[in-house]
Amino acid sequence: MNVGPNGGQLFNSVAGESMMGVWGFLPRATPKAPISGRVLEITGIADGTDPSNKVVDFSWIWDFRSAPTEIQTLFQDSLAIKSKAHMRHYDDGWRVESIQ
């Protein structure tokens, strides 16, 4: 896969794979600036298997605010992702055990 002249300023690498199903071709790009996630909303908290465990339902998006304008424009219509965090209470507070 080839990118335009500005692509090298935004991405470390760009590749593509042939995928079975409806996608046909799935491009993969590694941005030069790291991209993190941002929690939008916590939609529920439920008890886990014992009092020291909780399951937290939340929605999040990739946070492109620190990325170059071209990247922000490319992903401006990204949809929120729904996930669950399994948390455990320790002496010093709550810690995330896993995220699904």
Foldseek 3Di string as FASTA:
>chain_A
DDDDPCVVVFFPDKDWDQDPDDPRIDIDTHTPDDKAKDWDFWDDWADDPDNQKIKIKTKIDTDCPVGDPVVCVVCVPPDIDIKIWIWGADPVGIDTPDMD
